[in-house]
N, C-alpha and C. Protein backbone atom coordinates (compact mmCIF):
# COMPACT_ATOMS: atom_id res chain seq x y z
N MET A 1 -4.07 -9.66 -5.54
CA MET A 1 -4.68 -7.62 -5.29
C MET A 1 -5.73 -8.07 -5.08
N CYS A 2 -6.29 -6.86 -4.21
CA CYS A 2 -7.53 -6.88 -3.82
C CYS A 2 -8.19 -5.59 -3.84
N THR A 3 -9.49 -5.12 -4.12
CA THR A 3 -9.93 -4.11 -3.76
C THR A 3 -9.71 -2.81 -2.53
N LEU A 4 -8.78 -3.72 -1.52
CA LEU A 4 -8.47 -2.69 -0.13
C LEU A 4 -6.50 -2.40 -1.27
N ASP A 5 -6.03 -2.90 -1.74
CA ASP A 5 -4.75 -3.01 -2.22
C ASP A 5 -4.89 -1.67 -2.60
N GLU A 6 -6.17 -1.77 -3.73
CA GLU A 6 -5.97 -0.86 -4.59
C GLU A 6 -6.32 0.58 -4.20
N ARG A 7 -7.31 0.37 -2.85
CA ARG A 7 -7.71 1.72 -2.29
C ARG A 7 -6.71 1.99 -1.40
N ILE A 8 -5.98 0.78 -1.10
CA ILE A 8 -4.28 1.62 -0.14
C ILE A 8 -3.60 2.33 -1.31
N ILE A 9 -3.19 1.87 -2.39
CA ILE A 9 -2.41 2.43 -3.28
C ILE A 9 -2.59 4.20 -3.83
N GLU A 10 -4.26 3.97 -3.82
CA GLU A 10 -4.65 5.15 -4.19
C GLU A 10 -4.72 6.44 -2.93
N TYR A 11 -4.83 5.65 -1.98
CA TYR A 11 -4.94 6.89 -0.23
C TYR A 11 -3.54 6.91 -0.28
N VAL A 12 -2.42 6.11 -0.62
CA VAL A 12 -0.95 6.61 -0.74
C VAL A 12 -0.20 7.64 -1.47
N ALA A 13 -1.21 7.73 -2.37
CA ALA A 13 -0.57 8.56 -3.69
C ALA A 13 -1.32 9.47 -3.87
N GLU A 14 -2.06 9.85 -2.54
CA GLU A 14 -3.35 11.12 -2.89
C GLU A 14 -2.63 12.18 -1.30
N ASP A 15 -1.89 10.98 -0.06
CA ASP A 15 -1.59 11.66 1.10
C ASP A 15 0.11 11.05 1.89
N PRO A 16 1.09 11.72 1.18
CA PRO A 16 2.50 11.01 1.46
C PRO A 16 2.91 11.00 2.95
N LEU A 17 1.70 10.84 3.80
CA LEU A 17 2.32 11.01 4.71
C LEU A 17 1.20 9.70 5.48
N ALA A 18 1.07 9.00 4.33
CA ALA A 18 -0.27 8.14 4.94
C ALA A 18 0.66 6.84 5.76
N SER A 19 -0.56 6.35 6.91
CA SER A 19 0.02 5.12 7.78
C SER A 19 -1.13 4.19 7.80
N PRO A 20 -0.93 3.05 8.36
CA PRO A 20 -2.52 2.19 8.50
C PRO A 20 -3.32 3.00 9.55
N ARG A 21 -2.38 3.61 10.79
CA ARG A 21 -3.57 4.11 11.61
C ARG A 21 -4.48 4.87 10.82
N ILE A 22 -3.55 5.81 10.02
CA ILE A 22 -4.29 7.24 9.40
C ILE A 22 -5.71 6.91 8.51
N MET A 23 -5.30 5.57 7.82
CA MET A 23 -5.87 4.95 6.59
C MET A 23 -7.42 4.26 7.25
N GLU A 24 -7.22 3.29 8.48
CA GLU A 24 -7.75 2.80 8.86
C GLU A 24 -8.92 3.85 9.64
N SER A 25 -8.27 4.91 10.10
CA SER A 25 -9.68 5.94 10.23
C SER A 25 -9.85 7.06 9.84
N VAL A 26 -10.06 6.66 8.50
CA VAL A 26 -9.87 7.81 7.60
C VAL A 26 -11.18 7.34 5.95
N MET A 27 -10.18 5.68 5.55
CA MET A 27 -10.66 4.95 4.70
C MET A 27 -12.34 4.54 5.13
N GLN A 28 -13.36 4.66 3.73
CA GLN A 28 -14.42 4.11 4.06
C GLN A 28 -14.52 2.80 4.06
N PHE A 29 -13.39 2.01 4.14
CA PHE A 29 -13.38 0.56 4.06
C PHE A 29 -13.71 -0.58 5.42
N ASP A 30 -14.23 -1.31 5.22
CA ASP A 30 -13.73 -2.15 6.46
C ASP A 30 -12.91 -3.15 6.68
N ALA A 31 -11.65 -2.65 7.63
CA ALA A 31 -10.63 -3.43 7.65
C ALA A 31 -9.90 -2.86 8.41
N SER A 32 -9.68 -3.37 9.65
CA SER A 32 -9.05 -2.69 10.59
C SER A 32 -7.24 -2.33 10.54
N GLU A 33 -6.92 -1.61 11.74
CA GLU A 33 -5.83 -1.34 11.48
C GLU A 33 -4.41 -1.84 10.61
N ARG A 34 -4.53 -3.38 11.66
CA ARG A 34 -3.98 -4.55 11.48
C ARG A 34 -4.12 -4.77 10.03
N ARG A 35 -5.14 -4.89 9.70
CA ARG A 35 -5.18 -5.42 8.16
C ARG A 35 -4.64 -4.68 7.40
N ILE A 36 -4.93 -3.41 7.25
CA ILE A 36 -4.40 -2.30 6.51
C ILE A 36 -2.61 -2.11 6.43
N ARG A 37 -1.93 -2.45 7.99
CA ARG A 37 -0.37 -2.62 7.69
C ARG A 37 0.39 -3.76 7.14
N GLU A 38 -0.74 -5.66 7.35
CA GLU A 38 -0.40 -6.12 6.54
C GLU A 38 -0.37 -6.06 4.74
N ARG A 39 -1.26 -5.77 4.85
CA ARG A 39 -1.62 -4.89 2.81
C ARG A 39 -0.66 -4.47 3.17
N CYS A 40 0.05 -3.38 3.88
CA CYS A 40 0.89 -2.46 3.09
C CYS A 40 2.04 -2.75 3.33
N LEU A 41 2.65 -4.04 3.92
CA LEU A 41 3.75 -4.79 4.12
C LEU A 41 4.00 -5.52 2.72
N MET A 42 2.86 -6.10 2.30
CA MET A 42 2.62 -7.27 0.77
C MET A 42 3.23 -5.84 -0.15
N LEU A 43 2.25 -4.95 -0.28
CA LEU A 43 3.01 -4.02 -1.64
C LEU A 43 3.75 -3.05 -1.58
N ALA A 44 4.66 -3.06 -0.30
CA ALA A 44 5.82 -2.40 -0.37
C ALA A 44 6.64 -3.62 -0.69
N ASP A 45 6.46 -5.01 -0.33
CA ASP A 45 7.16 -6.36 -1.15
C ASP A 45 7.31 -6.48 -2.89
N ALA A 46 6.02 -5.78 -3.21
CA ALA A 46 5.59 -6.05 -4.18
C ALA A 46 6.28 -4.83 -5.36
N GLU A 47 6.67 -3.32 -4.52
CA GLU A 47 7.28 -2.31 -5.00
C GLU A 47 6.22 -1.28 -5.75
N LEU A 48 4.68 -1.37 -4.95
CA LEU A 48 4.05 -0.48 -5.20
C LEU A 48 4.11 0.49 -4.28
N ILE A 49 3.92 0.58 -3.00
CA ILE A 49 4.37 1.99 -2.33
C ILE A 49 5.93 1.40 -1.68
N ALA A 50 6.32 2.53 -0.66
CA ALA A 50 7.77 1.94 -0.27
C ALA A 50 7.52 2.73 1.12
N PRO A 51 7.67 1.86 2.34
CA PRO A 51 8.17 2.99 3.60
C PRO A 51 8.77 4.53 3.07
N LEU A 52 8.02 5.30 4.46
CA LEU A 52 9.11 6.37 4.36
C LEU A 52 10.04 5.87 5.78
N SER A 53 9.42 5.94 6.44
CA SER A 53 9.83 5.70 8.11
C SER A 53 9.57 4.29 8.66
N ARG A 54 10.26 3.55 8.86
CA ARG A 54 9.59 1.99 9.77
C ARG A 54 9.04 2.38 11.12
N ASP A 55 9.77 3.76 11.77
CA ASP A 55 9.29 4.01 13.14
C ASP A 55 7.95 4.16 13.01
N LEU A 56 7.78 5.33 12.19
CA LEU A 56 6.19 5.63 12.19
C LEU A 56 5.29 5.09 10.84
N GLU A 57 5.95 3.98 9.97
CA GLU A 57 4.85 3.73 9.60
C GLU A 57 4.25 4.26 8.29
N MET A 58 4.84 5.51 7.45
CA MET A 58 4.76 6.02 6.47
C MET A 58 5.12 5.87 5.37
N TYR A 59 4.14 5.81 4.04
CA TYR A 59 4.22 5.04 3.31
C TYR A 59 4.40 6.02 2.05
N GLU A 60 5.10 5.68 0.29
CA GLU A 60 4.61 6.62 -0.26
C GLU A 60 4.62 5.58 -1.44
N VAL A 61 4.14 6.19 -2.33
CA VAL A 61 3.83 5.41 -3.76
C VAL A 61 4.69 5.87 -4.48
N THR A 62 5.32 4.26 -5.21
CA THR A 62 7.06 4.10 -6.02
C THR A 62 6.08 4.42 -7.27
N SER A 63 7.19 4.47 -8.40
CA SER A 63 6.91 4.98 -10.28
C SER A 63 6.04 3.52 -10.70
N GLU A 64 6.58 2.73 -10.30
CA GLU A 64 6.13 1.14 -10.30
C GLU A 64 4.35 1.64 -9.72
N GLY A 65 4.09 1.65 -8.69
CA GLY A 65 2.71 2.16 -7.98
C GLY A 65 1.70 3.10 -8.89
N GLN A 66 2.34 4.20 -9.25
CA GLN A 66 2.02 4.85 -9.72
C GLN A 66 1.54 4.72 -11.61
N ARG A 67 2.33 3.65 -11.60
CA ARG A 67 2.31 3.36 -12.82
C ARG A 67 0.79 2.00 -13.39
N TYR A 68 0.69 1.45 -12.06
CA TYR A 68 -0.44 0.76 -11.73
C TYR A 68 -2.04 1.45 -11.51
N LEU A 69 -1.76 2.59 -11.11
CA LEU A 69 -2.36 3.69 -11.23
C LEU A 69 -3.43 3.75 -12.52
N GLN A 70 -2.27 3.98 -13.19
CA GLN A 70 -2.62 4.72 -14.45
C GLN A 70 -2.93 3.37 -15.75
N GLY A 71 -2.96 2.54 -15.15
CA GLY A 71 -2.93 1.32 -15.88
C GLY A 71 -2.10 0.65 -16.66
N LYS A 72 -0.26 1.37 -16.50
CA LYS A 72 0.11 0.96 -17.56
C LYS A 72 1.04 -0.38 -16.73
N LEU A 73 0.58 -1.18 -15.68
CA LEU A 73 1.62 -1.82 -15.22
C LEU A 73 0.31 -3.31 -14.60
N ASP A 74 0.81 -4.52 -14.77
CA ASP A 74 -0.22 -5.53 -14.33
C ASP A 74 1.10 -5.81 -12.97
N ALA A 75 -0.16 -5.53 -11.88
CA ALA A 75 0.68 -6.48 -10.63
C ALA A 75 1.16 -7.87 -10.71
N GLU A 76 1.13 -8.47 -11.84
CA GLU A 76 1.17 -9.74 -11.55
C GLU A 76 2.53 -10.07 -11.79
N HIS A 77 3.13 -9.29 -12.46
CA HIS A 77 4.78 -9.13 -12.95
C HIS A 77 6.02 -8.69 -11.95
N GLN A 78 4.92 -8.00 -10.48
CA GLN A 78 5.70 -7.45 -9.63
C GLN A 78 6.36 -8.86 -9.11
N PRO A 79 7.49 -8.84 -7.88
CA PRO A 79 8.08 -9.14 -6.82
C PRO A 79 7.09 -9.83 -6.09
N LYS A 80 6.96 -10.99 -5.69
CA LYS A 80 6.33 -11.85 -4.64
C LYS A 80 6.69 -10.88 -3.68
N PRO A 81 5.48 -11.08 -2.57
CA PRO A 81 5.57 -10.76 -1.49
C PRO A 81 6.31 -11.63 -0.51
N LYS A 82 7.23 -11.48 0.65
CA LYS A 82 7.92 -12.28 1.64
C LYS A 82 6.71 -13.12 2.25
N VAL A 83 6.99 -13.99 2.52
CA VAL A 83 5.96 -14.91 3.85
C VAL A 83 6.57 -14.60 5.32
N ARG A 84 5.75 -13.77 5.89
CA ARG A 84 5.84 -13.48 7.28
C ARG A 84 5.30 -14.38 8.25
N GLY A 85 6.29 -14.52 9.33
CA GLY A 85 5.28 -15.75 10.39
C GLY A 85 5.56 -15.38 11.44
């Protein structure tokens, strides 16, 4: 987990129509759309966010993601991200 991951989870929790493109244009963070997309895939693998639609790349926060934001979940115990080549 890095600061960007936490910001993504927070943003997705507030905006259920969040996509990497929207986050890149709205978030006050120095990260490209590609980097945000990579982190979203990792967060989805860790079950902290979930895709609403693969075609539109929109995400929603999961119950585990909500618990993480509330400080009730240690992300270290979540499933490990898949290796993408």
